[in-house]
Amino acid sequence: MVFLIGVDHLIQYNGPVPESIRVEFRSYLVRICRELDIKTIAEEFSDEALREVYQATAETAQEAARMLGIEHRYCDPGWKEFAELDIPSFGDLLEEARKKFNASPSYILDNVFRKKVADYAAKRARSYWHIRERYWLDQLRDILNLNILFICGHEHVKRFSSLLVENGYKCAIIDRFWMKELFADYSNLGLS
């Protein structure tokens, strides 16, 4: 069975989120895994993103899996797989948005315009989610007879749950958005 936890991606690595909150999430994962006899922690993340995009040196779910002595698995495509799947990078989508809106190099100083560009890129990125979610399912197929904890962005939880069920797999949502009240406003975390 696949158990799902939705998160804000900032909790998945040692980045801007206070370490105490990241440690709390890791402890939560360990507790859930013990309660549900989880054999693998899998997640919407890739080693490339962890190192190259976020410059992270620690990864929360991987640490939890190591503490438990169970398998950890990244399920998001790497750069090569993104290209093979014809999924543009978010940077490419931002560039597409800049061109669409004829954004000059100084657009970044205009908060409203910057949000318009980012929102457009995010909407375009969502149009590829179905491809990524199918890729995650493919990455799990060899272990779908085991209890798996899958961590993904909170916006994917319902979609991925539906995909699993449509393909004949059992799943349960443990948490649609872990600590939603905290992550709903980054100022709660001391981030602006």
C-alpha atoms as a PDB file:
ATOM      1  CA  MET A   1       0.000   0.000   0.000  1.00  0.00           C
ATOM      2  CA  VAL A   2       1.176   3.550  -0.739  1.00  0.00           C
ATOM      3  CA  PHE A   3       0.782   6.073   2.073  1.00  0.00           C
ATOM      4  CA  LEU A   4       0.970   9.715   1.000  1.00  0.00           C
ATOM      5  CA  ILE A   5       2.202  12.796   2.808  1.00  0.00           C
ATOM      6  CA  GLY A   6       1.958  16.201   1.150  1.00  0.00           C
ATOM      7  CA  VAL A   7       4.569  18.804   1.995  1.00  0.00           C
ATOM      8  CA  ASP A   8       6.051  22.140   1.122  1.00  0.00           C
ATOM      9  CA  HIS A   9       9.280  21.126  -0.623  1.00  0.00           C
ATOM     10  CA  LEU A  10      11.342  23.356   1.677  1.00  0.00           C
ATOM     11  CA  ILE A  11      10.983  20.733   4.434  1.00  0.00           C
ATOM     12  CA  GLN A  12      12.672  18.048   2.327  1.00  0.00           C
ATOM     13  CA  TYR A  13      16.232  19.344   2.755  1.00  0.00           C
ATOM     14  CA  ASN A  14      18.418  21.513   4.956  1.00  0.00           C
ATOM     15  CA  GLY A  15      17.582  24.828   3.385  1.00  0.00           C
ATOM     16  CA  PRO A  16      15.823  27.928   4.659  1.00  0.00           C
ATOM     17  CA  VAL A  17      13.436  26.160   7.048  1.00  0.00           C
ATOM     18  CA  PRO A  18      14.626  26.276  10.671  1.00  0.00           C
ATOM     19  CA  GLU A  19      16.478  23.066  11.504  1.00  0.00           C
ATOM     20  CA  SER A  20      14.185  22.361  14.457  1.00  0.00           C
ATOM     21  CA  ILE A  21      11.184  22.097  12.105  1.00  0.00           C
ATOM     22  CA  ARG A  22      13.107  19.863   9.688  1.00  0.00           C
ATOM     23  CA  VAL A  23      14.087  17.609  12.612  1.00  0.00           C
ATOM     24  CA  GLU A  24      10.448  17.533  13.719  1.00  0.00           C
ATOM     25  CA  PHE A  25       9.411  16.384  10.244  1.00  0.00           C
ATOM     26  CA  ARG A  26      12.117  13.705  10.224  1.00  0.00           C
ATOM     27  CA  SER A  27      10.883  12.435  13.607  1.00  0.00           C
ATOM     28  CA  TYR A  28       7.321  12.431  12.259  1.00  0.00           C
ATOM     29  CA  LEU A  29       8.452  10.310   9.293  1.00  0.00           C
ATOM     30  CA  VAL A  30      10.234   7.839  11.577  1.00  0.00           C
ATOM     31  CA  ARG A  31       7.147   7.493  13.787  1.00  0.00           C
ATOM     32  CA  ILE A  32       4.757   7.010  10.828  1.00  0.00           C
ATOM     33  CA  CYS A  33       7.071   4.462   9.230  1.00  0.00           C
ATOM     34  CA  ARG A  34       7.238   2.420  12.409  1.00  0.00           C
ATOM     35  CA  GLU A  35       3.468   2.568  12.910  1.00  0.00           C
ATOM     36  CA  LEU A  36       2.704   1.512   9.325  1.00  0.00           C
ATOM     37  CA  ASP A  37       5.547  -0.982   8.832  1.00  0.00           C
ATOM     38  CA  ILE A  38       6.906   1.058   5.921  1.00  0.00           C
ATOM     39  CA  LYS A  39       9.579  -0.703   3.869  1.00  0.00           C
ATOM     40  CA  THR A  40      10.524   2.195   1.563  1.00  0.00           C
ATOM     41  CA  ILE A  41      10.378   5.967   1.825  1.00  0.00           C
ATOM     42  CA  ALA A  42      10.029   7.417  -1.664  1.00  0.00           C
ATOM     43  CA  GLU A  43       9.645  11.007  -2.694  1.00  0.00           C
ATOM     44  CA  GLU A  44       9.135  13.613  -5.344  1.00  0.00           C
ATOM     45  CA  PHE A  45      12.719  14.748  -5.399  1.00  0.00           C
ATOM     46  CA  SER A  46      15.907  13.907  -7.234  1.00  0.00           C
ATOM     47  CA  ASP A  47      19.516  13.798  -6.154  1.00  0.00           C
ATOM     48  CA  GLU A  48      20.324  16.311  -8.907  1.00  0.00           C
ATOM     49  CA  ALA A  49      17.751  18.809  -7.630  1.00  0.00           C
ATOM     50  CA  LEU A  50      18.953  18.303  -4.080  1.00  0.00           C
ATOM     51  CA  ARG A  51      22.574  19.072  -4.909  1.00  0.00           C
ATOM     52  CA  GLU A  52      22.466  21.344  -7.950  1.00  0.00           C
ATOM     53  CA  VAL A  53      19.319  23.426  -7.451  1.00  0.00           C
ATOM     54  CA  TYR A  54      19.005  23.632  -3.683  1.00  0.00           C
ATOM     55  CA  GLN A  55      22.695  23.177  -2.750  1.00  0.00           C
ATOM     56  CA  ALA A  56      21.515  20.958   0.097  1.00  0.00           C
ATOM     57  CA  THR A  57      23.873  18.857   2.156  1.00  0.00           C
ATOM     58  CA  ALA A  58      21.203  16.887   4.017  1.00  0.00           C
ATOM     59  CA  GLU A  59      17.919  15.360   2.930  1.00  0.00           C
ATOM     60  CA  THR A  60      15.167  14.796   5.465  1.00  0.00           C
ATOM     61  CA  ALA A  61      13.456  11.644   4.159  1.00  0.00           C
ATOM     62  CA  GLN A  62      16.764   9.985   3.325  1.00  0.00           C
ATOM     63  CA  GLU A  63      17.937  10.620   6.895  1.00  0.00           C
ATOM     64  CA  ALA A  64      14.713   9.086   8.268  1.00  0.00           C
ATOM     65  CA  ALA A  65      15.134   6.007   6.077  1.00  0.00           C
ATOM     66  CA  ARG A  66      18.738   5.623   7.197  1.00  0.00           C
ATOM     67  CA  MET A  67      17.671   5.861  10.862  1.00  0.00           C
ATOM     68  CA  LEU A  68      15.096   3.114  10.237  1.00  0.00           C
ATOM     69  CA  GLY A  69      17.379   0.926   8.120  1.00  0.00           C
ATOM     70  CA  ILE A  70      14.933   0.933   5.191  1.00  0.00           C
ATOM     71  CA  GLU A  71      15.203   1.827   1.523  1.00  0.00           C
ATOM     72  CA  HIS A  72      14.978   5.429   0.356  1.00  0.00           C
ATOM     73  CA  ARG A  73      14.082   6.200  -3.249  1.00  0.00           C
ATOM     74  CA  TYR A  74      14.030   9.406  -5.292  1.00  0.00           C
ATOM     75  CA  CYS A  75      11.220   9.269  -7.854  1.00  0.00           C
ATOM     76  CA  ASP A  76      11.346  12.583  -9.699  1.00  0.00           C
ATOM     77  CA  PRO A  77      13.070  12.644 -13.091  1.00  0.00           C
ATOM     78  CA  GLY A  78      16.635  13.908 -13.300  1.00  0.00           C
ATOM     79  CA  TRP A  79      17.734  16.365 -15.993  1.00  0.00           C
ATOM     80  CA  LYS A  80      18.281  13.620 -18.568  1.00  0.00           C
ATOM     81  CA  GLU A  81      14.840  12.114 -17.895  1.00  0.00           C
ATOM     82  CA  PHE A  82      13.181  15.545 -18.018  1.00  0.00           C
ATOM     83  CA  ALA A  83      14.640  15.974 -21.509  1.00  0.00           C
ATOM     84  CA  GLU A  84      13.558  12.472 -22.572  1.00  0.00           C
ATOM     85  CA  LEU A  85      10.035  13.190 -21.297  1.00  0.00           C
ATOM     86  CA  ASP A  86       9.990  16.572 -23.089  1.00  0.00           C
ATOM     87  CA  ILE A  87       9.423  18.432 -19.826  1.00  0.00           C
ATOM     88  CA  PRO A  88      11.051  21.867 -19.814  1.00  0.00           C
ATOM     89  CA  SER A  89      12.929  23.054 -16.759  1.00  0.00           C
ATOM     90  CA  PHE A  90      11.329  25.715 -14.601  1.00  0.00           C
ATOM     91  CA  GLY A  91      14.105  28.072 -15.708  1.00  0.00           C
ATOM     92  CA  ASP A  92      13.105  27.474 -19.334  1.00  0.00           C
ATOM     93  CA  LEU A  93       9.467  28.152 -18.439  1.00  0.00           C
ATOM     94  CA  LEU A  94      10.443  31.407 -16.727  1.00  0.00           C
ATOM     95  CA  GLU A  95      12.352  32.418 -19.845  1.00  0.00           C
ATOM     96  CA  GLU A  96       9.293  31.556 -21.957  1.00  0.00           C
ATOM     97  CA  ALA A  97       7.184  33.744 -19.658  1.00  0.00           C
ATOM     98  CA  ARG A  98       9.691  36.620 -19.857  1.00  0.00           C
ATOM     99  CA  LYS A  99       9.506  36.484 -23.654  1.00  0.00           C
ATOM    100  CA  LYS A 100       5.715  36.191 -23.675  1.00  0.00           C
ATOM    101  CA  PHE A 101       5.349  39.297 -21.529  1.00  0.00           C
ATOM    102  CA  ASN A 102       8.292  41.080 -23.182  1.00  0.00           C
ATOM    103  CA  ALA A 103       9.941  41.442 -19.796  1.00  0.00           C
ATOM    104  CA  SER A 104      13.015  43.632 -19.724  1.00  0.00           C
ATOM    105  CA  PRO A 105      15.943  42.699 -17.478  1.00  0.00           C
ATOM    106  CA  SER A 106      14.612  45.156 -14.884  1.00  0.00           C
ATOM    107  CA  TYR A 107      11.230  43.376 -14.599  1.00  0.00           C
ATOM    108  CA  ILE A 108      12.452  41.689 -11.429  1.00  0.00           C
ATOM    109  CA  LEU A 109      12.201  45.024  -9.603  1.00  0.00           C
ATOM    110  CA  ASP A 110       8.460  45.219 -10.255  1.00  0.00           C
ATOM    111  CA  ASN A 111       6.800  42.864  -7.741  1.00  0.00           C
ATOM    112  CA  VAL A 112       3.470  42.701  -9.600  1.00  0.00           C
ATOM    113  CA  PHE A 113       5.087  41.987 -12.950  1.00  0.00           C
ATOM    114  CA  ARG A 114       7.509  39.468 -11.410  1.00  0.00           C
ATOM    115  CA  LYS A 115       4.538  37.625  -9.892  1.00  0.00           C
ATOM    116  CA  LYS A 116       2.758  37.618 -13.262  1.00  0.00           C
ATOM    117  CA  VAL A 117       5.809  36.035 -14.922  1.00  0.00           C
ATOM    118  CA  ALA A 118       6.250  33.476 -12.114  1.00  0.00           C
ATOM    119  CA  ASP A 119       2.539  32.592 -12.109  1.00  0.00           C
ATOM    120  CA  TYR A 120       2.596  31.980 -15.846  1.00  0.00           C
ATOM    121  CA  ALA A 121       5.660  29.730 -15.527  1.00  0.00           C
ATOM    122  CA  ALA A 122       4.036  27.835 -12.630  1.00  0.00           C
ATOM    123  CA  LYS A 123       0.856  27.291 -14.633  1.00  0.00           C
ATOM    124  CA  ARG A 124       2.895  25.942 -17.552  1.00  0.00           C
ATOM    125  CA  ALA A 125       4.825  23.659 -15.155  1.00  0.00           C
ATOM    126  CA  ARG A 126       1.510  22.244 -13.869  1.00  0.00           C
ATOM    127  CA  SER A 127       0.595  21.261 -17.413  1.00  0.00           C
ATOM    128  CA  TYR A 128       3.407  18.659 -17.226  1.00  0.00           C
ATOM    129  CA  TRP A 129       2.453  17.244 -13.834  1.00  0.00           C
ATOM    130  CA  HIS A 130       0.587  14.275 -15.290  1.00  0.00           C
ATOM    131  CA  ILE A 131       3.804  13.152 -17.016  1.00  0.00           C
ATOM    132  CA  ARG A 132       5.846  13.501 -13.844  1.00  0.00           C
ATOM    133  CA  GLU A 133       3.247  11.692 -11.733  1.00  0.00           C
ATOM    134  CA  ARG A 134       3.189   8.766 -14.175  1.00  0.00           C
ATOM    135  CA  TYR A 135       6.976   8.703 -13.953  1.00  0.00           C
ATOM    136  CA  TRP A 136       6.732   8.439 -10.139  1.00  0.00           C
ATOM    137  CA  LEU A 137       4.341   5.523 -10.496  1.00  0.00           C
ATOM    138  CA  ASP A 138       6.775   3.804 -12.858  1.00  0.00           C
ATOM    139  CA  GLN A 139       9.577   4.307 -10.325  1.00  0.00           C
ATOM    140  CA  LEU A 140       7.499   2.499  -7.692  1.00  0.00           C
ATOM    141  CA  ARG A 141       6.087  -0.382  -9.750  1.00  0.00           C
ATOM    142  CA  ASP A 142       8.656  -2.941  -8.574  1.00  0.00           C
ATOM    143  CA  ILE A 143       7.779  -2.364  -4.891  1.00  0.00           C
ATOM    144  CA  LEU A 144       4.049  -1.629  -4.981  1.00  0.00           C
ATOM    145  CA  ASN A 145       3.404  -4.869  -3.110  1.00  0.00           C
ATOM    146  CA  LEU A 146       5.161  -3.324  -0.066  1.00  0.00           C
ATOM    147  CA  ASN A 147       4.145  -0.571   2.329  1.00  0.00           C
ATOM    148  CA  ILE A 148       5.579   2.621   0.859  1.00  0.00           C
ATOM    149  CA  LEU A 149       5.565   6.119   2.274  1.00  0.00           C
ATOM    150  CA  PHE A 150       5.514   8.610  -0.601  1.00  0.00           C
ATOM    151  CA  ILE A 151       6.272  12.273   0.042  1.00  0.00           C
ATOM    152  CA  CYS A 152       5.256  14.827  -2.563  1.00  0.00           C
ATOM    153  CA  GLY A 153       4.293  18.436  -2.925  1.00  0.00           C
ATOM    154  CA  HIS A 154       0.923  19.006  -1.291  1.00  0.00           C
ATOM    155  CA  GLU A 155      -0.646  19.984  -4.633  1.00  0.00           C
ATOM    156  CA  HIS A 156       0.079  16.482  -5.974  1.00  0.00           C
ATOM    157  CA  VAL A 157      -1.449  14.411  -3.162  1.00  0.00           C
ATOM    158  CA  LYS A 158      -4.995  14.084  -4.492  1.00  0.00           C
ATOM    159  CA  ARG A 159      -3.820  13.750  -8.100  1.00  0.00           C
ATOM    160  CA  PHE A 160      -1.254  11.042  -7.317  1.00  0.00           C
ATOM    161  CA  SER A 161      -3.707   9.225  -5.069  1.00  0.00           C
ATOM    162  CA  SER A 162      -6.199   9.132  -7.948  1.00  0.00           C
ATOM    163  CA  LEU A 163      -3.533   7.885 -10.353  1.00  0.00           C
ATOM    164  CA  LEU A 164      -2.622   5.043  -7.998  1.00  0.00           C
ATOM    165  CA  VAL A 165      -6.267   4.007  -7.583  1.00  0.00           C
ATOM    166  CA  GLU A 166      -6.916   4.247 -11.361  1.00  0.00           C
ATOM    167  CA  ASN A 167      -4.051   1.793 -11.850  1.00  0.00           C
ATOM    168  CA  GLY A 168      -5.394  -0.659  -9.294  1.00  0.00           C
ATOM    169  CA  TYR A 169      -3.163   0.176  -6.325  1.00  0.00           C
ATOM    170  CA  LYS A 170      -4.223   0.835  -2.758  1.00  0.00           C
ATOM    171  CA  CYS A 171      -3.284   4.095  -1.153  1.00  0.00           C
ATOM    172  CA  ALA A 172      -4.105   6.199   1.875  1.00  0.00           C
ATOM    173  CA  ILE A 173      -3.472   9.857   2.504  1.00  0.00           C
ATOM    174  CA  ILE A 174      -1.746  10.330   5.844  1.00  0.00           C
ATOM    175  CA  ASP A 175      -1.487  14.107   5.606  1.00  0.00           C
ATOM    176  CA  ARG A 176      -2.603  16.284   2.673  1.00  0.00           C
ATOM    177  CA  PHE A 177      -0.246  19.090   3.722  1.00  0.00           C
ATOM    178  CA  TRP A 178       2.054  18.583   6.695  1.00  0.00           C
ATOM    179  CA  MET A 179       2.048  21.730   8.854  1.00  0.00           C
ATOM    180  CA  LYS A 180      -0.094  23.660   6.389  1.00  0.00           C
ATOM    181  CA  GLU A 181      -0.743  26.387   8.948  1.00  0.00           C
ATOM    182  CA  LEU A 182       2.989  26.981   9.270  1.00  0.00           C
ATOM    183  CA  PHE A 183       3.894  26.833   5.580  1.00  0.00           C
ATOM    184  CA  ALA A 184       0.891  28.834   4.353  1.00  0.00           C
ATOM    185  CA  ASP A 185       2.812  32.016   5.101  1.00  0.00           C
ATOM    186  CA  TYR A 186       6.608  31.897   4.956  1.00  0.00           C
ATOM    187  CA  SER A 187       6.826  34.750   7.445  1.00  0.00           C
ATOM    188  CA  ASN A 188       5.714  32.145  10.021  1.00  0.00           C
ATOM    189  CA  LEU A 189       9.094  30.523   9.403  1.00  0.00           C
ATOM    190  CA  GLY A 190      11.050  33.750   9.615  1.00  0.00           C
ATOM    191  CA  LEU A 191      11.322  33.831   5.815  1.00  0.00           C
ATOM    192  CA  SER A 192      10.122  36.733   3.740  1.00  0.00           C
END
